[in-house]
PDB file of N, CA and C in Angstrom:
ATOM      1  N   MET A   1       5.267  -1.102   2.814  1.00  0.00           N
ATOM      2  CA  MET A   1       3.797  -1.150   2.929  1.00  0.00           C
ATOM      3  C   MET A   1       3.699   0.274   4.607  1.00  0.00           C
ATOM      4  N   VAL A   2       4.423   0.168   4.774  1.00  0.00           N
ATOM      5  CA  VAL A   2       5.133   0.263   6.918  1.00  0.00           C
ATOM      6  C   VAL A   2       5.651   1.969   6.702  1.00  0.00           C
ATOM      7  N   GLY A   3       6.471   1.635   5.577  1.00  0.00           N
ATOM      8  CA  GLY A   3       7.463   3.300   5.440  1.00  0.00           C
ATOM      9  C   GLY A   3       6.118   4.456   4.393  1.00  0.00           C
ATOM     10  N   PHE A   4       5.150   3.581   3.776  1.00  0.00           N
ATOM     11  CA  PHE A   4       4.437   4.806   3.061  1.00  0.00           C
ATOM     12  C   PHE A   4       3.547   4.753   3.436  1.00  0.00           C
ATOM     13  N   ARG A   5       2.269   3.781   4.669  1.00  0.00           N
ATOM     14  CA  ARG A   5       1.485   4.523   5.620  1.00  0.00           C
ATOM     15  C   ARG A   5       2.854   5.531   6.981  1.00  0.00           C
ATOM     16  N   ASN A   6       3.341   5.439   7.007  1.00  0.00           N
ATOM     17  CA  ASN A   6       4.467   6.536   8.433  1.00  0.00           C
ATOM     18  C   ASN A   6       4.576   7.883   7.065  1.00  0.00           C
ATOM     19  N   ARG A   7       4.652   7.462   5.275  1.00  0.00           N
ATOM     20  CA  ARG A   7       4.431   9.140   5.003  1.00  0.00           C
ATOM     21  C   ARG A   7       2.874   9.759   4.599  1.00  0.00           C
ATOM     22  N   LEU A   8       2.635   8.926   4.124  1.00  0.00           N
ATOM     23  CA  LEU A   8       0.788   9.039   4.499  1.00  0.00           C
ATOM     24  C   LEU A   8      -0.133   9.791   5.880  1.00  0.00           C
ATOM     25  N   ILE A   9       0.619   9.818   6.856  1.00  0.00           N
ATOM     26  CA  ILE A   9       0.516   9.913   7.717  1.00  0.00           C
ATOM     27  C   ILE A   9       0.473  10.977   7.840  1.00  0.00           C
ATOM     28  N   HIS A  10       1.921  11.082   8.132  1.00  0.00           N
ATOM     29  CA  HIS A  10       3.087  12.111   8.327  1.00  0.00           C
ATOM     30  C   HIS A  10       3.221  13.717   7.925  1.00  0.00           C
ATOM     31  N   ALA A  11       3.565  12.935   6.644  1.00  0.00           N
ATOM     32  CA  ALA A  11       3.698  14.414   5.164  1.00  0.00           C
ATOM     33  C   ALA A  11       2.883  13.689   4.600  1.00  0.00           C
ATOM     34  N   TYR A  12       1.659  14.192   4.287  1.00  0.00           N
ATOM     35  CA  TYR A  12       0.742  13.817   4.006  1.00  0.00           C
ATOM     36  C   TYR A  12       0.220  15.305   2.427  1.00  0.00           C
ATOM     37  N   ASP A  13       0.857  16.345   3.430  1.00  0.00           N
ATOM     38  CA  ASP A  13       0.518  17.030   1.950  1.00  0.00           C
ATOM     39  C   ASP A  13       1.840  17.078   1.034  1.00  0.00           C
ATOM     40  N   ALA A  14       2.579  15.886   1.553  1.00  0.00           N
ATOM     41  CA  ALA A  14       3.599  15.961   0.802  1.00  0.00           C
ATOM     42  C   ALA A  14       3.536  14.831  -0.952  1.00  0.00           C
ATOM     43  N   VAL A  15       2.842  13.986  -0.432  1.00  0.00           N
ATOM     44  CA  VAL A  15       1.776  12.751  -1.509  1.00  0.00           C
ATOM     45  C   VAL A  15       0.768  13.406  -1.764  1.00  0.00           C
ATOM     46  N   ASP A  16       1.043  12.803  -3.831  1.00  0.00           N
ATOM     47  CA  ASP A  16       0.238  13.104  -4.571  1.00  0.00           C
ATOM     48  C   ASP A  16      -0.179  11.922  -5.344  1.00  0.00           C
ATOM     49  N   SER A  17      -1.539  12.512  -5.723  1.00  0.00           N
ATOM     50  CA  SER A  17      -2.493  11.258  -5.620  1.00  0.00           C
ATOM     51  C   SER A  17      -1.962  10.175  -6.775  1.00  0.00           C
ATOM     52  N   SER A  18      -0.628  10.498  -8.237  1.00  0.00           N
ATOM     53  CA  SER A  18      -0.601   9.439  -8.571  1.00  0.00           C
ATOM     54  C   SER A  18       0.005   8.531  -8.368  1.00  0.00           C
ATOM     55  N   MET A  19       1.574   8.875  -7.332  1.00  0.00           N
ATOM     56  CA  MET A  19       2.311   8.435  -6.157  1.00  0.00           C
ATOM     57  C   MET A  19       1.332   7.020  -5.479  1.00  0.00           C
ATOM     58  N   ILE A  20       0.701   7.789  -5.191  1.00  0.00           N
ATOM     59  CA  ILE A  20      -1.172   7.127  -4.345  1.00  0.00           C
ATOM     60  C   ILE A  20      -1.175   5.710  -5.083  1.00  0.00           C
ATOM     61  N   TRP A  21      -1.622   5.966  -6.274  1.00  0.00           N
ATOM     62  CA  TRP A  21      -2.339   5.145  -7.193  1.00  0.00           C
ATOM     63  C   TRP A  21      -0.874   3.661  -8.028  1.00  0.00           C
ATOM     64  N   ALA A  22       0.335   4.785  -7.744  1.00  0.00           N
ATOM     65  CA  ALA A  22       1.552   3.860  -8.889  1.00  0.00           C
ATOM     66  C   ALA A  22       1.915   2.464  -7.273  1.00  0.00           C
ATOM     67  N   ILE A  23       1.795   3.162  -6.070  1.00  0.00           N
ATOM     68  CA  ILE A  23       1.701   2.090  -5.011  1.00  0.00           C
ATOM     69  C   ILE A  23       0.662   0.828  -5.189  1.00  0.00           C
ATOM     70  N   ILE A  24      -0.162   1.448  -5.047  1.00  0.00           N
ATOM     71  CA  ILE A  24      -1.325   0.366  -5.043  1.00  0.00           C
ATOM     72  C   ILE A  24      -1.618  -0.436  -6.612  1.00  0.00           C
ATOM     73  N   LYS A  25      -1.632  -0.106  -7.566  1.00  0.00           N
ATOM     74  CA  LYS A  25      -0.914  -1.330  -8.689  1.00  0.00           C
ATOM     75  C   LYS A  25      -0.460  -1.866  -8.434  1.00  0.00           C
ATOM     76  N   LYS A  26       1.059  -1.766  -7.910  1.00  0.00           N
ATOM     77  CA  LYS A  26       1.937  -2.431  -7.688  1.00  0.00           C
ATOM     78  C   LYS A  26       2.126  -3.600  -6.796  1.00  0.00           C
ATOM     79  N   HIS A  27       1.280  -3.392  -5.518  1.00  0.00           N
ATOM     80  CA  HIS A  27       1.702  -3.737  -4.779  1.00  0.00           C
ATOM     81  C   HIS A  27       0.360  -4.474  -4.080  1.00  0.00           C
ATOM     82  N   LEU A  28      -0.639  -3.835  -4.220  1.00  0.00           N
ATOM     83  CA  LEU A  28      -1.851  -3.988  -3.733  1.00  0.00           C
ATOM     84  C   LEU A  28      -2.117  -6.239  -4.264  1.00  0.00           C
ATOM     85  N   ALA A  29      -2.222  -6.667  -4.993  1.00  0.00           N
ATOM     86  CA  ALA A  29      -2.290  -7.288  -6.117  1.00  0.00           C
ATOM     87  C   ALA A  29      -1.676  -9.212  -5.119  1.00  0.00           C
ATOM     88  N   PRO A  30       0.224  -8.655  -4.737  1.00  0.00           N
ATOM     89  CA  PRO A  30       0.672 -10.146  -3.654  1.00  0.00           C
ATOM     90  C   PRO A  30       0.316  -9.216  -2.910  1.00  0.00           C
ATOM     91  N   LEU A  31      -0.285  -8.357  -2.252  1.00  0.00           N
ATOM     92  CA  LEU A  31      -1.159  -8.052  -0.684  1.00  0.00           C
ATOM     93  C   LEU A  31      -2.156  -8.883  -0.012  1.00  0.00           C
ATOM     94  N   LYS A  32      -3.046  -8.785  -1.434  1.00  0.00           N
ATOM     95  CA  LYS A  32      -3.965 -10.047  -1.614  1.00  0.00           C
ATOM     96  C   LYS A  32      -4.086 -11.314  -1.357  1.00  0.00           C
ATOM     97  N   SER A  33      -3.329 -11.591  -2.566  1.00  0.00           N
ATOM     98  CA  SER A  33      -2.532 -12.977  -2.428  1.00  0.00           C
ATOM     99  C   SER A  33      -2.460 -13.642  -1.420  1.00  0.00           C
ATOM    100  N   GLU A  34      -1.410 -12.524  -0.670  1.00  0.00           N
ATOM    101  CA  GLU A  34      -0.416 -13.357   0.663  1.00  0.00           C
ATOM    102  C   GLU A  34      -1.648 -13.470   1.445  1.00  0.00           C
ATOM    103  N   VAL A  35      -2.322 -12.112   2.121  1.00  0.00           N
ATOM    104  CA  VAL A  35      -4.208 -12.187   2.620  1.00  0.00           C
ATOM    105  C   VAL A  35      -4.843 -13.854   2.634  1.00  0.00           C
ATOM    106  N   ILE A  36      -5.166 -13.750   1.493  1.00  0.00           N
ATOM    107  CA  ILE A  36      -5.685 -14.336   0.978  1.00  0.00           C
ATOM    108  C   ILE A  36      -5.126 -16.420   1.155  1.00  0.00           C
ATOM    109  N   ASP A  37      -4.580 -16.230   1.176  1.00  0.00           N
ATOM    110  CA  ASP A  37      -2.932 -17.729   1.662  1.00  0.00           C
ATOM    111  C   ASP A  37      -3.288 -17.511   3.401  1.00  0.00           C
ATOM    112  N   LYS A  38      -2.775 -17.029   3.565  1.00  0.00           N
ATOM    113  CA  LYS A  38      -3.450 -16.587   5.366  1.00  0.00           C
ATOM    114  C   LYS A  38      -3.976 -17.024   5.752  1.00  0.00           C
ATOM    115  N   LEU A  39      -5.269 -16.925   5.526  1.00  0.00           N
ATOM    116  CA  LEU A  39      -7.049 -17.298   5.484  1.00  0.00           C
ATOM    117  C   LEU A  39      -6.867 -18.303   5.274  1.00  0.00           C
ATOM    118  N   GLU A  40      -6.515 -18.827   3.881  1.00  0.00           N
ATOM    119  CA  GLU A  40      -7.130 -20.363   3.492  1.00  0.00           C
ATOM    120  C   GLU A  40      -6.411 -21.423   4.728  1.00  0.00           C
ATOM    121  N   ASP A  41      -4.743 -21.023   5.200  1.00  0.00           N
ATOM    122  CA  ASP A  41      -4.538 -21.423   6.160  1.00  0.00           C
ATOM    123  C   ASP A  41      -5.189 -21.983   7.687  1.00  0.00           C
TER     124      ASP A  41
END
C-alpha cells in the first residue's frame, strides 16, 4: 500500500485507472477485514 501511495503521489501521470481498479479489487477487502478486526479489539 505504501508503494502504491508513493507511485500515485509522485508518478500520477504513469498510473492508469485499470491498474488502480486491480489494486482495489485485490487489496481492499483484506484491508477492510483487518481494520474491522482491530476496531473490535
